[in-house]
Amino acid sequence: MEENNIKVTEKDVIDTLDIFTKVPSILLKRWVSKKSNLVKSFESQVISYSTRLSLEEKCKVEKILEMPINDLQIILNNAYRRTGKRQLKILADPSAEDFIEVNLQELKRVLELND
């Protein structure tokens, strides 16, 4: 499957970052403020999840990992407005940029090791 033909939707971004919406917002807020590397903490689960992805899903994840964080945060903010999930609001806040950067870089590293 050619990566250029893959379209990434708002749902794809939300699904990829779904792990962050499953934790209580109070914990997420603390982790964001500390710029915690959650991907590293949950590396075995990330690897397990990534092995079950289809080729198309892997291409979408790769595209999301290459998106500017500002673009991701716009999508997260739109999703927050639609769903009301507090975790999405936390991630959409500009103060979460470093947290997102740390975790996306770690996700890239983990996925590259398991290709």
Protein backbone atom coordinates (compact mmCIF):
# COMPACT_ATOMS: atom_id res chain seq x y z
CA MET A 1 0.00 0.00 0.00
CA GLU A 2 1.45 3.33 -1.04
CA GLU A 3 1.70 5.72 1.89
CA ASN A 4 0.91 8.77 -0.26
CA ASN A 5 -2.57 7.43 -0.98
CA ILE A 6 -3.44 7.02 2.71
CA LYS A 7 -5.77 9.68 4.10
CA VAL A 8 -5.59 10.40 7.82
CA THR A 9 -8.84 11.46 9.42
CA GLU A 10 -9.61 13.12 12.72
CA LYS A 11 -10.83 9.73 13.96
CA ASP A 12 -7.46 8.16 13.05
CA VAL A 13 -5.63 10.73 15.18
CA ILE A 14 -8.00 10.23 18.09
CA ASP A 15 -7.75 6.45 17.82
CA THR A 16 -3.95 6.63 17.76
CA LEU A 17 -3.88 8.80 20.89
CA ASP A 18 -6.65 6.80 22.54
CA ILE A 19 -4.38 5.51 25.31
CA PHE A 20 -4.29 9.03 26.74
CA THR A 21 -8.08 9.32 26.87
CA LYS A 22 -8.41 6.15 28.93
CA VAL A 23 -6.63 7.53 31.98
CA PRO A 24 -8.31 9.76 34.54
CA SER A 25 -7.92 13.42 33.60
CA ILE A 26 -6.29 14.29 36.94
CA LEU A 27 -3.49 11.79 36.23
CA LEU A 28 -3.11 12.93 32.64
CA LYS A 29 -2.83 16.54 33.76
CA ARG A 30 -0.05 15.58 36.19
CA TRP A 31 1.79 13.55 33.54
CA VAL A 32 1.49 16.38 31.03
CA SER A 33 2.90 18.89 33.51
CA LYS A 34 5.85 16.55 34.21
CA LYS A 35 6.30 15.75 30.51
CA SER A 36 6.18 12.04 31.43
CA ASN A 37 7.21 9.48 28.86
CA LEU A 38 4.16 7.22 28.98
CA VAL A 39 5.07 5.30 25.85
CA LYS A 40 8.25 4.11 27.53
CA SER A 41 6.30 3.16 30.65
CA PHE A 42 3.85 1.10 28.60
CA GLU A 43 6.28 -0.08 25.93
CA SER A 44 5.23 -3.74 26.01
CA GLN A 45 1.56 -2.81 25.52
CA VAL A 46 2.49 -0.47 22.66
CA ILE A 47 4.49 -3.24 20.98
CA SER A 48 1.65 -5.72 21.43
CA TYR A 49 -0.82 -3.25 19.94
CA SER A 50 1.44 -2.38 17.01
CA THR A 51 1.85 -6.03 15.99
CA ARG A 52 -1.91 -6.24 15.42
CA LEU A 53 -2.09 -3.24 13.08
CA SER A 54 -2.86 -3.70 9.42
CA LEU A 55 -0.53 -2.20 6.82
CA GLU A 56 -2.98 0.67 6.26
CA GLU A 57 -3.20 1.36 10.00
CA LYS A 58 0.61 1.36 10.28
CA CYS A 59 0.81 3.87 7.43
CA LYS A 60 -1.73 6.09 9.17
CA VAL A 61 0.20 5.94 12.43
CA GLU A 62 3.38 6.90 10.57
CA LYS A 63 1.64 9.88 8.97
CA ILE A 64 0.29 10.98 12.35
CA LEU A 65 3.76 10.72 13.86
CA GLU A 66 5.01 13.10 11.16
CA MET A 67 2.25 15.69 11.65
CA PRO A 68 3.15 18.99 13.32
CA ILE A 69 2.04 18.94 16.96
CA ASN A 70 0.06 22.12 16.41
CA ASP A 71 -2.05 20.30 13.79
CA LEU A 72 -2.59 17.38 16.17
CA GLN A 73 -3.68 19.75 18.91
CA ILE A 74 -6.21 21.42 16.61
CA ILE A 75 -7.71 18.01 15.88
CA LEU A 76 -7.70 17.17 19.60
CA ASN A 77 -9.45 20.45 20.40
CA ASN A 78 -12.11 19.77 17.76
CA ALA A 79 -12.61 16.30 19.19
CA TYR A 80 -12.91 17.76 22.69
CA ARG A 81 -15.64 20.12 21.51
CA ARG A 82 -17.50 17.21 19.97
CA THR A 83 -17.08 14.67 22.78
CA GLY A 84 -16.50 16.73 25.92
CA LYS A 85 -13.68 14.35 26.97
CA ARG A 86 -11.57 16.33 29.41
CA GLN A 87 -8.44 14.38 28.45
CA LEU A 88 -8.70 15.75 24.91
CA LYS A 89 -8.90 19.28 26.27
CA ILE A 90 -5.76 18.68 28.34
CA LEU A 91 -3.88 17.39 25.29
CA ALA A 92 -5.13 20.25 23.11
CA ASP A 93 -3.76 22.86 25.51
CA PRO A 94 -0.53 24.48 24.25
CA SER A 95 1.18 23.54 27.53
CA ALA A 96 0.91 19.86 26.48
CA GLU A 97 3.13 20.35 23.43
CA ASP A 98 6.32 19.09 25.09
CA PHE A 99 4.49 16.09 26.56
CA ILE A 100 3.12 15.16 23.14
CA GLU A 101 6.53 15.63 21.52
CA VAL A 102 8.24 13.34 24.05
CA ASN A 103 5.65 10.62 23.62
CA LEU A 104 5.51 10.82 19.83
CA GLN A 105 9.30 10.58 19.61
CA GLU A 106 9.27 7.57 21.93
CA LEU A 107 6.48 5.98 19.90
CA LYS A 108 8.56 6.42 16.73
CA ARG A 109 11.52 4.76 18.44
CA VAL A 110 9.48 1.81 19.69
CA LEU A 111 7.79 1.26 16.35
CA GLU A 112 11.09 1.44 14.44
CA LEU A 113 12.59 -1.21 16.70
CA ASN A 114 9.71 -3.55 15.97
CA ASP A 115 9.51 -3.23 12.18
